[in-house]
PDB file of N, CA and C in Angstrom:
ATOM      1  N   UNK A   1     133.835   7.720  58.553  1.00  0.00           N
ATOM      2  CA  UNK A   1     134.159   8.794  59.666  1.00  0.00           C
ATOM      3  C   UNK A   1     134.042   7.848  60.542  1.00  0.00           C
ATOM      4  N   UNK A   2     134.581   8.181  61.644  1.00  0.00           N
ATOM      5  CA  UNK A   2     134.359   7.238  62.849  1.00  0.00           C
ATOM      6  C   UNK A   2     133.420   8.224  64.131  1.00  0.00           C
ATOM      7  N   UNK A   3     133.160   6.751  64.612  1.00  0.00           N
ATOM      8  CA  UNK A   3     131.729   7.215  65.255  1.00  0.00           C
ATOM      9  C   UNK A   3     132.741   7.073  66.801  1.00  0.00           C
ATOM     10  N   UNK A   4     132.091   8.188  67.930  1.00  0.00           N
ATOM     11  CA  UNK A   4     132.210   8.230  69.253  1.00  0.00           C
ATOM     12  C   UNK A   4     131.764   7.097  69.786  1.00  0.00           C
ATOM     13  N   UNK A   5     132.604   6.760  71.028  1.00  0.00           N
ATOM     14  CA  UNK A   5     131.766   5.862  72.090  1.00  0.00           C
ATOM     15  C   UNK A   5     130.882   6.259  72.417  1.00  0.00           C
ATOM     16  N   UNK A   6     129.879   5.727  73.130  1.00  0.00           N
ATOM     17  CA  UNK A   6     128.625   6.382  73.926  1.00  0.00           C
ATOM     18  C   UNK A   6     129.426   7.164  75.001  1.00  0.00           C
ATOM     19  N   UNK A   7     130.171   7.009  75.664  1.00  0.00           N
ATOM     20  CA  UNK A   7     130.638   7.677  76.617  1.00  0.00           C
ATOM     21  C   UNK A   7     131.511   9.267  76.057  1.00  0.00           C
ATOM     22  N   UNK A   8     132.420   8.908  75.109  1.00  0.00           N
ATOM     23  CA  UNK A   8     132.624  10.001  74.444  1.00  0.00           C
ATOM     24  C   UNK A   8     131.545  11.137  74.162  1.00  0.00           C
ATOM     25  N   UNK A   9     130.662  10.513  73.203  1.00  0.00           N
ATOM     26  CA  UNK A   9     129.477  11.413  72.766  1.00  0.00           C
ATOM     27  C   UNK A   9     128.703  12.170  74.009  1.00  0.00           C
ATOM     28  N   UNK A  10     128.530  11.433  75.082  1.00  0.00           N
ATOM     29  CA  UNK A  10     127.983  12.021  75.888  1.00  0.00           C
ATOM     30  C   UNK A  10     128.729  13.488  76.817  1.00  0.00           C
ATOM     31  N   UNK A  11     129.956  13.185  76.398  1.00  0.00           N
ATOM     32  CA  UNK A  11     130.593  13.878  77.460  1.00  0.00           C
ATOM     33  C   UNK A  11     130.685  15.387  76.205  1.00  0.00           C
ATOM     34  N   UNK A  12     130.650  15.397  75.385  1.00  0.00           N
ATOM     35  CA  UNK A  12     130.593  16.618  74.653  1.00  0.00           C
ATOM     36  C   UNK A  12     129.504  17.838  74.718  1.00  0.00           C
ATOM     37  N   UNK A  13     130.188  18.768  74.640  1.00  0.00           N
ATOM     38  CA  UNK A  13     129.434  19.941  75.018  1.00  0.00           C
ATOM     39  C   UNK A  13     128.446  20.067  73.585  1.00  0.00           C
ATOM     40  N   UNK A  14     127.090  21.043  73.910  1.00  0.00           N
ATOM     41  CA  UNK A  14     126.104  21.555  73.441  1.00  0.00           C
ATOM     42  C   UNK A  14     126.103  22.920  72.963  1.00  0.00           C
ATOM     43  N   UNK A  15     125.941  23.124  71.524  1.00  0.00           N
ATOM     44  CA  UNK A  15     125.754  24.850  71.354  1.00  0.00           C
ATOM     45  C   UNK A  15     124.781  24.794  71.422  1.00  0.00           C
ATOM     46  N   UNK A  16     123.785  25.473  72.417  1.00  0.00           N
ATOM     47  CA  UNK A  16     122.590  26.174  72.477  1.00  0.00           C
ATOM     48  C   UNK A  16     122.069  27.416  71.185  1.00  0.00           C
ATOM     49  N   UNK A  17     122.988  28.099  70.723  1.00  0.00           N
ATOM     50  CA  UNK A  17     122.806  29.224  70.308  1.00  0.00           C
ATOM     51  C   UNK A  17     123.938  29.446  69.287  1.00  0.00           C
ATOM     52  N   UNK A  18     124.129  30.102  68.124  1.00  0.00           N
ATOM     53  CA  UNK A  18     125.021  30.408  67.415  1.00  0.00           C
ATOM     54  C   UNK A  18     124.908  31.502  66.606  1.00  0.00           C
ATOM     55  N   UNK A  19     125.333  32.846  67.069  1.00  0.00           N
ATOM     56  CA  UNK A  19     125.685  34.085  65.796  1.00  0.00           C
ATOM     57  C   UNK A  19     126.484  35.008  65.095  1.00  0.00           C
ATOM     58  N   UNK A  20     126.337  35.130  64.017  1.00  0.00           N
ATOM     59  CA  UNK A  20     127.710  35.508  63.298  1.00  0.00           C
ATOM     60  C   UNK A  20     127.508  36.685  63.919  1.00  0.00           C
ATOM     61  N   UNK A  21     128.456  37.483  64.353  1.00  0.00           N
ATOM     62  CA  UNK A  21     128.841  39.290  64.748  1.00  0.00           C
ATOM     63  C   UNK A  21     129.410  39.425  63.676  1.00  0.00           C
ATOM     64  N   UNK A  22     130.439  39.209  63.150  1.00  0.00           N
ATOM     65  CA  UNK A  22     131.049  39.933  61.736  1.00  0.00           C
ATOM     66  C   UNK A  22     131.557  39.240  60.874  1.00  0.00           C
ATOM     67  N   UNK A  23     131.590  39.093  59.453  1.00  0.00           N
ATOM     68  CA  UNK A  23     131.797  38.954  58.344  1.00  0.00           C
ATOM     69  C   UNK A  23     133.181  40.114  57.866  1.00  0.00           C
ATOM     70  N   UNK A  24     134.247  39.511  57.456  1.00  0.00           N
ATOM     71  CA  UNK A  24     134.665  40.358  56.695  1.00  0.00           C
ATOM     72  C   UNK A  24     135.178  39.103  55.717  1.00  0.00           C
ATOM     73  N   UNK A  25     136.469  39.712  54.915  1.00  0.00           N
ATOM     74  CA  UNK A  25     136.809  38.949  53.553  1.00  0.00           C
ATOM     75  C   UNK A  25     137.759  37.451  53.563  1.00  0.00           C
ATOM     76  N   UNK A  26     138.164  37.973  54.631  1.00  0.00           N
ATOM     77  CA  UNK A  26     139.104  36.836  55.027  1.00  0.00           C
ATOM     78  C   UNK A  26     138.701  35.963  56.582  1.00  0.00           C
ATOM     79  N   UNK A  27     137.824  36.494  57.029  1.00  0.00           N
ATOM     80  CA  UNK A  27     137.235  35.839  58.343  1.00  0.00           C
ATOM     81  C   UNK A  27     136.032  36.659  58.657  1.00  0.00           C
ATOM     82  N   UNK A  28     135.239  35.312  59.464  1.00  0.00           N
ATOM     83  CA  UNK A  28     133.987  35.845  60.306  1.00  0.00           C
ATOM     84  C   UNK A  28     134.282  35.286  61.675  1.00  0.00           C
ATOM     85  N   UNK A  29     133.279  35.834  62.518  1.00  0.00           N
ATOM     86  CA  UNK A  29     133.250  35.537  64.316  1.00  0.00           C
ATOM     87  C   UNK A  29     131.900  34.973  64.373  1.00  0.00           C
ATOM     88  N   UNK A  30     131.763  34.036  65.413  1.00  0.00           N
ATOM     89  CA  UNK A  30     130.556  34.083  65.735  1.00  0.00           C
ATOM     90  C   UNK A  30     130.595  33.916  67.251  1.00  0.00           C
ATOM     91  N   UNK A  31     129.365  33.989  67.584  1.00  0.00           N
ATOM     92  CA  UNK A  31     129.157  34.015  69.198  1.00  0.00           C
ATOM     93  C   UNK A  31     128.626  32.662  69.500  1.00  0.00           C
ATOM     94  N   UNK A  32     129.265  31.679  69.976  1.00  0.00           N
ATOM     95  CA  UNK A  32     128.593  30.456  70.674  1.00  0.00           C
ATOM     96  C   UNK A  32     127.723  30.698  72.201  1.00  0.00           C
ATOM     97  N   UNK A  33     126.514  29.968  72.057  1.00  0.00           N
ATOM     98  CA  UNK A  33     126.557  29.834  73.869  1.00  0.00           C
ATOM     99  C   UNK A  33     126.450  28.566  73.634  1.00  0.00           C
ATOM    100  N   UNK A  34     126.761  27.634  74.854  1.00  0.00           N
ATOM    101  CA  UNK A  34     127.419  26.205  74.840  1.00  0.00           C
ATOM    102  C   UNK A  34     126.797  25.688  76.459  1.00  0.00           C
ATOM    103  N   UNK A  35     126.389  24.449  76.177  1.00  0.00           N
ATOM    104  CA  UNK A  35     126.061  23.670  77.159  1.00  0.00           C
ATOM    105  C   UNK A  35     127.674  22.540  77.542  1.00  0.00           C
ATOM    106  N   UNK A  36     128.182  22.933  78.750  1.00  0.00           N
ATOM    107  CA  UNK A  36     129.420  21.938  78.887  1.00  0.00           C
ATOM    108  C   UNK A  36     128.726  20.567  79.665  1.00  0.00           C
ATOM    109  N   UNK A  37     129.429  19.753  79.666  1.00  0.00           N
ATOM    110  CA  UNK A  37     129.099  18.445  79.847  1.00  0.00           C
ATOM    111  C   UNK A  37     128.645  18.303  81.518  1.00  0.00           C
ATOM    112  N   UNK A  38     129.276  19.135  82.444  1.00  0.00           N
ATOM    113  CA  UNK A  38     129.319  19.180  83.374  1.00  0.00           C
ATOM    114  C   UNK A  38     128.034  20.347  83.951  1.00  0.00           C
ATOM    115  N   UNK A  39     127.119  20.526  82.855  1.00  0.00           N
ATOM    116  CA  UNK A  39     126.270  21.593  82.401  1.00  0.00           C
ATOM    117  C   UNK A  39     126.522  22.730  83.135  1.00  0.00           C
ATOM    118  N   UNK A  40     127.659  23.457  82.901  1.00  0.00           N
ATOM    119  CA  UNK A  40     127.859  25.094  83.024  1.00  0.00           C
ATOM    120  C   UNK A  40     127.582  25.501  81.625  1.00  0.00           C
ATOM    121  N   UNK A  41     127.042  26.645  81.565  1.00  0.00           N
ATOM    122  CA  UNK A  41     126.680  27.640  80.435  1.00  0.00           C
ATOM    123  C   UNK A  41     127.737  28.701  79.827  1.00  0.00           C
ATOM    124  N   UNK A  42     128.455  28.607  78.906  1.00  0.00           N
ATOM    125  CA  UNK A  42     129.967  29.163  78.542  1.00  0.00           C
ATOM    126  C   UNK A  42     129.381  30.093  77.623  1.00  0.00           C
ATOM    127  N   UNK A  43     129.726  31.111  77.055  1.00  0.00           N
ATOM    128  CA  UNK A  43     130.005  32.265  76.171  1.00  0.00           C
ATOM    129  C   UNK A  43     131.017  32.010  75.350  1.00  0.00           C
ATOM    130  N   UNK A  44     131.217  31.392  73.702  1.00  0.00           N
ATOM    131  CA  UNK A  44     132.289  31.072  73.165  1.00  0.00           C
ATOM    132  C   UNK A  44     132.954  31.826  72.135  1.00  0.00           C
ATOM    133  N   UNK A  45     133.429  33.004  72.094  1.00  0.00           N
ATOM    134  CA  UNK A  45     133.850  33.591  70.582  1.00  0.00           C
ATOM    135  C   UNK A  45     134.812  32.805  70.001  1.00  0.00           C
ATOM    136  N   UNK A  46     134.336  32.641  68.858  1.00  0.00           N
ATOM    137  CA  UNK A  46     135.346  31.473  67.980  1.00  0.00           C
ATOM    138  C   UNK A  46     135.276  32.538  66.481  1.00  0.00           C
ATOM    139  N   UNK A  47     136.683  32.752  66.132  1.00  0.00           N
ATOM    140  CA  UNK A  47     137.120  33.464  64.955  1.00  0.00           C
ATOM    141  C   UNK A  47     137.626  32.508  63.864  1.00  0.00           C
ATOM    142  N   UNK A  48     136.811  32.240  62.631  1.00  0.00           N
ATOM    143  CA  UNK A  48     136.494  31.283  61.335  1.00  0.00           C
ATOM    144  C   UNK A  48     137.865  31.655  60.405  1.00  0.00           C
ATOM    145  N   UNK A  49     138.710  31.084  60.137  1.00  0.00           N
ATOM    146  CA  UNK A  49     139.376  31.371  59.151  1.00  0.00           C
ATOM    147  C   UNK A  49     139.564  29.984  58.414  1.00  0.00           C
ATOM    148  N   UNK A  50     139.675  30.068  57.149  1.00  0.00           N
ATOM    149  CA  UNK A  50     139.876  28.479  56.388  1.00  0.00           C
ATOM    150  C   UNK A  50     141.359  28.688  56.498  1.00  0.00           C
ATOM    151  N   UNK A  51     142.178  28.020  56.455  1.00  0.00           N
ATOM    152  CA  UNK A  51     143.584  27.159  56.689  1.00  0.00           C
ATOM    153  C   UNK A  51     144.254  27.795  57.723  1.00  0.00           C
ATOM    154  N   UNK A  52     143.720  28.216  59.011  1.00  0.00           N
ATOM    155  CA  UNK A  52     144.254  28.983  59.790  1.00  0.00           C
ATOM    156  C   UNK A  52     144.256  28.295  61.394  1.00  0.00           C
ATOM    157  N   UNK A  53     145.242  28.642  62.987  1.00  0.00           N
ATOM    158  CA  UNK A  53     144.782  28.214  63.926  1.00  0.00           C
ATOM    159  C   UNK A  53     145.368  29.341  65.032  1.00  0.00           C
ATOM    160  N   UNK A  54     144.437  29.468  66.227  1.00  0.00           N
ATOM    161  CA  UNK A  54     144.814  30.691  66.405  1.00  0.00           C
ATOM    162  C   UNK A  54     144.388  29.918  67.910  1.00  0.00           C
ATOM    163  N   UNK A  55     145.319  30.314  69.006  1.00  0.00           N
ATOM    164  CA  UNK A  55     144.789  30.095  70.315  1.00  0.00           C
ATOM    165  C   UNK A  55     145.439  31.416  71.348  1.00  0.00           C
ATOM    166  N   UNK A  56     144.587  32.341  71.839  1.00  0.00           N
ATOM    167  CA  UNK A  56     144.923  33.440  72.649  1.00  0.00           C
ATOM    168  C   UNK A  56     144.851  33.251  74.311  1.00  0.00           C
ATOM    169  N   UNK A  57     145.675  33.211  74.844  1.00  0.00           N
ATOM    170  CA  UNK A  57     145.469  32.761  76.330  1.00  0.00           C
ATOM    171  C   UNK A  57     145.287  33.856  77.305  1.00  0.00           C
ATOM    172  N   UNK A  58     144.573  34.211  77.736  1.00  0.00           N
ATOM    173  CA  UNK A  58     144.175  35.140  78.511  1.00  0.00           C
ATOM    174  C   UNK A  58     144.403  34.903  80.657  1.00  0.00           C
ATOM    175  N   UNK A  59     145.289  35.810  81.240  1.00  0.00           N
ATOM    176  CA  UNK A  59     145.133  35.521  82.889  1.00  0.00           C
ATOM    177  C   UNK A  59     144.079  36.416  83.289  1.00  0.00           C
ATOM    178  N   UNK A  60     144.294  36.220  84.404  1.00  0.00           N
ATOM    179  CA  UNK A  60     143.078  36.670  85.554  1.00  0.00           C
ATOM    180  C   UNK A  60     142.896  38.115  84.999  1.00  0.00           C
ATOM    181  N   UNK A  61     143.890  39.340  84.656  1.00  0.00           N
ATOM    182  CA  UNK A  61     143.697  40.638  84.410  1.00  0.00           C
ATOM    183  C   UNK A  61     143.457  40.468  83.184  1.00  0.00           C
ATOM    184  N   UNK A  62     143.065  39.641  82.437  1.00  0.00           N
ATOM    185  CA  UNK A  62     142.768  39.841  80.980  1.00  0.00           C
ATOM    186  C   UNK A  62     143.503  40.693  80.240  1.00  0.00           C
ATOM    187  N   UNK A  63     145.099  40.911  80.526  1.00  0.00           N
ATOM    188  CA  UNK A  63     146.608  41.030  79.858  1.00  0.00           C
ATOM    189  C   UNK A  63     146.513  39.521  78.829  1.00  0.00           C
ATOM    190  N   UNK A  64     147.033  40.257  77.784  1.00  0.00           N
ATOM    191  CA  UNK A  64     147.382  39.012  76.991  1.00  0.00           C
ATOM    192  C   UNK A  64     148.897  38.946  76.847  1.00  0.00           C
TER     193      UNK A  64
END
């Protein structure tokens, strides 16, 4: 495995907490509270599924 340079490692977001909010037979969902490199705290809801990728864009009106 490749090591990150000191600058890249310092710029990574840090997970402050993670909680599983759903587990089904095909996928599971976690809610993570994250500290971004700029100092911003955010919540990320993450869908975990082996072998798949999904990106969902949401505009300002929260429409999909």
